[in-house]
Amino acid sequence: MEMSYWLENNWVWDLRWKERITSEDVLKLGVMKHIISSFPLIKGKKDSWVWIVEGDDQYSVKSAYDIISGLDTIVGITVFSKLWKACAPSNAVALCWRLLFDRIQTKENLVRRLLESHIG
């Protein structure tokens, strides 16, 4: 509520930061504003969460799992078929495959996995 207000019947975001933000953050902010503007608020109507996947608007772990596993399968099959038909050495194709599914042991991935193992 400190960074937004009603102006007549329109919700206005007045996002402010105490510290200076980077140009990359400004770009991300623009994207975020675009995304949240596609969900208009209605003055006088209570805000609530709605799970649009299920017909009754109620969230279920099963429906979330079905979406996630289905997307991985669809994307995986499409990418897999195109990638393995590419005219490239097999080690380059395998590297691309691992890269697409975030399986490259980069410093960032190693640190994240280390932290996850200590937290979880």
Protein backbone atom coordinates (compact mmCIF):
# COMPACT_ATOMS: atom_id res chain seq x y z
CA MET A 1 0.00 0.00 0.00
CA GLU A 2 2.98 2.32 0.50
CA MET A 3 3.91 2.07 -3.18
CA SER A 4 0.50 2.23 -4.79
CA TYR A 5 -2.77 4.12 -4.59
CA TRP A 6 -6.16 4.59 -6.21
CA LEU A 7 -6.52 7.52 -8.61
CA GLU A 8 -10.24 7.72 -9.32
CA ASN A 9 -10.95 4.12 -10.45
CA ASN A 10 -7.42 3.24 -11.51
CA TRP A 11 -4.74 1.54 -9.44
CA VAL A 12 -1.43 3.40 -9.77
CA TRP A 13 1.92 1.87 -8.84
CA ASP A 14 4.40 4.33 -7.31
CA LEU A 15 7.40 2.07 -6.83
CA ARG A 16 10.33 3.64 -4.98
CA TRP A 17 13.64 2.36 -3.69
CA LYS A 18 15.91 3.72 -0.98
CA GLU A 19 18.99 2.84 -3.02
CA ARG A 20 19.80 3.56 -6.63
CA ILE A 21 18.78 0.71 -8.96
CA THR A 22 20.80 -0.50 -11.93
CA SER A 23 19.79 -0.18 -15.57
CA GLU A 24 19.20 -3.95 -15.58
CA ASP A 25 16.81 -3.53 -12.65
CA VAL A 26 15.00 -0.75 -14.53
CA LEU A 27 14.45 -3.14 -17.46
CA LYS A 28 13.19 -5.87 -15.11
CA LEU A 29 10.90 -3.32 -13.46
CA GLY A 30 9.42 -2.44 -16.86
CA VAL A 31 8.71 -6.10 -17.55
CA MET A 32 7.18 -6.55 -14.10
CA LYS A 33 4.94 -3.48 -14.55
CA HIS A 34 3.80 -4.85 -17.91
CA ILE A 35 2.96 -8.22 -16.36
CA ILE A 36 1.07 -6.85 -13.37
CA SER A 37 -0.83 -4.36 -15.51
CA SER A 38 -2.46 -7.31 -17.28
CA PHE A 39 -4.25 -8.08 -13.99
CA PRO A 40 -6.43 -5.02 -13.43
CA LEU A 41 -7.70 -4.35 -9.94
CA ILE A 42 -11.32 -3.38 -9.36
CA LYS A 43 -12.00 -0.77 -6.72
CA GLY A 44 -14.19 -2.13 -3.93
CA LYS A 45 -13.61 -5.78 -4.87
CA LYS A 46 -11.56 -7.92 -2.49
CA ASP A 47 -8.34 -9.25 -3.97
CA SER A 48 -7.91 -13.03 -3.89
CA TRP A 49 -5.84 -15.82 -5.37
CA VAL A 50 -7.41 -17.87 -8.15
CA TRP A 51 -5.93 -21.06 -9.61
CA ILE A 52 -7.14 -20.91 -13.22
CA VAL A 53 -5.94 -24.42 -14.06
CA GLU A 54 -8.75 -26.14 -12.17
CA GLY A 55 -12.39 -25.51 -12.98
CA ASP A 56 -13.23 -24.69 -9.35
CA ASP A 57 -10.37 -22.14 -9.09
CA GLN A 58 -8.82 -24.15 -6.23
CA TYR A 59 -5.13 -25.02 -6.18
CA SER A 60 -4.02 -28.61 -5.94
CA VAL A 61 -0.51 -30.03 -5.86
CA LYS A 62 -1.55 -32.62 -8.44
CA SER A 63 -2.60 -29.97 -10.99
CA ALA A 64 0.64 -28.03 -10.43
CA TYR A 65 2.66 -31.23 -10.84
CA ASP A 66 0.73 -32.12 -14.01
CA ILE A 67 1.53 -28.71 -15.49
CA ILE A 68 5.21 -28.82 -14.61
CA SER A 69 5.77 -32.38 -15.77
CA GLY A 70 3.72 -31.80 -18.92
CA LEU A 71 5.68 -28.70 -19.88
CA ASP A 72 8.98 -30.45 -19.33
CA THR A 73 7.79 -33.34 -21.48
CA ILE A 74 6.52 -31.13 -24.31
CA VAL A 75 9.57 -28.87 -24.33
CA GLY A 76 11.91 -31.81 -23.83
CA ILE A 77 10.49 -33.83 -26.73
CA THR A 78 10.50 -30.84 -29.09
CA VAL A 79 14.01 -29.75 -28.17
CA PHE A 80 15.28 -33.32 -28.10
CA SER A 81 14.04 -34.10 -31.61
CA LYS A 82 15.41 -30.88 -33.11
CA LEU A 83 18.68 -30.98 -31.23
CA TRP A 84 19.59 -34.52 -32.17
CA LYS A 85 18.82 -33.84 -35.85
CA ALA A 86 21.32 -30.97 -35.90
CA CYS A 87 24.45 -31.34 -37.99
CA ALA A 88 26.88 -31.00 -35.11
CA PRO A 89 29.32 -33.25 -33.30
CA SER A 90 27.64 -35.43 -30.66
CA ASN A 91 29.64 -33.89 -27.82
CA ALA A 92 28.39 -30.39 -28.85
CA VAL A 93 24.81 -31.67 -29.00
CA ALA A 94 25.17 -33.29 -25.57
CA LEU A 95 26.58 -30.03 -24.18
CA CYS A 96 23.60 -28.08 -25.60
CA TRP A 97 21.19 -30.60 -24.11
CA ARG A 98 22.79 -30.27 -20.67
CA LEU A 99 22.82 -26.48 -20.99
CA LEU A 100 19.12 -26.30 -21.84
CA PHE A 101 18.19 -28.33 -18.78
CA ASP A 102 20.58 -26.49 -16.43
CA ARG A 103 22.85 -29.47 -15.95
CA ILE A 104 26.18 -27.71 -16.59
CA GLN A 105 28.39 -27.61 -13.51
CA THR A 106 28.95 -23.85 -13.52
CA LYS A 107 30.23 -22.09 -10.44
CA GLU A 108 26.74 -20.67 -9.84
CA ASN A 109 25.11 -24.12 -10.08
CA LEU A 110 27.71 -25.68 -7.79
CA VAL A 111 27.21 -22.97 -5.14
CA ARG A 112 23.39 -23.27 -5.40
CA ARG A 113 23.51 -27.05 -5.06
CA LEU A 114 25.91 -26.79 -2.13
CA LEU A 115 23.59 -24.36 -0.36
CA GLU A 116 20.54 -26.53 -1.11
CA SER A 117 22.27 -29.58 0.36
CA HIS A 118 23.09 -27.71 3.57
CA ILE A 119 19.65 -26.09 3.90
CA GLY A 120 17.52 -29.06 2.89
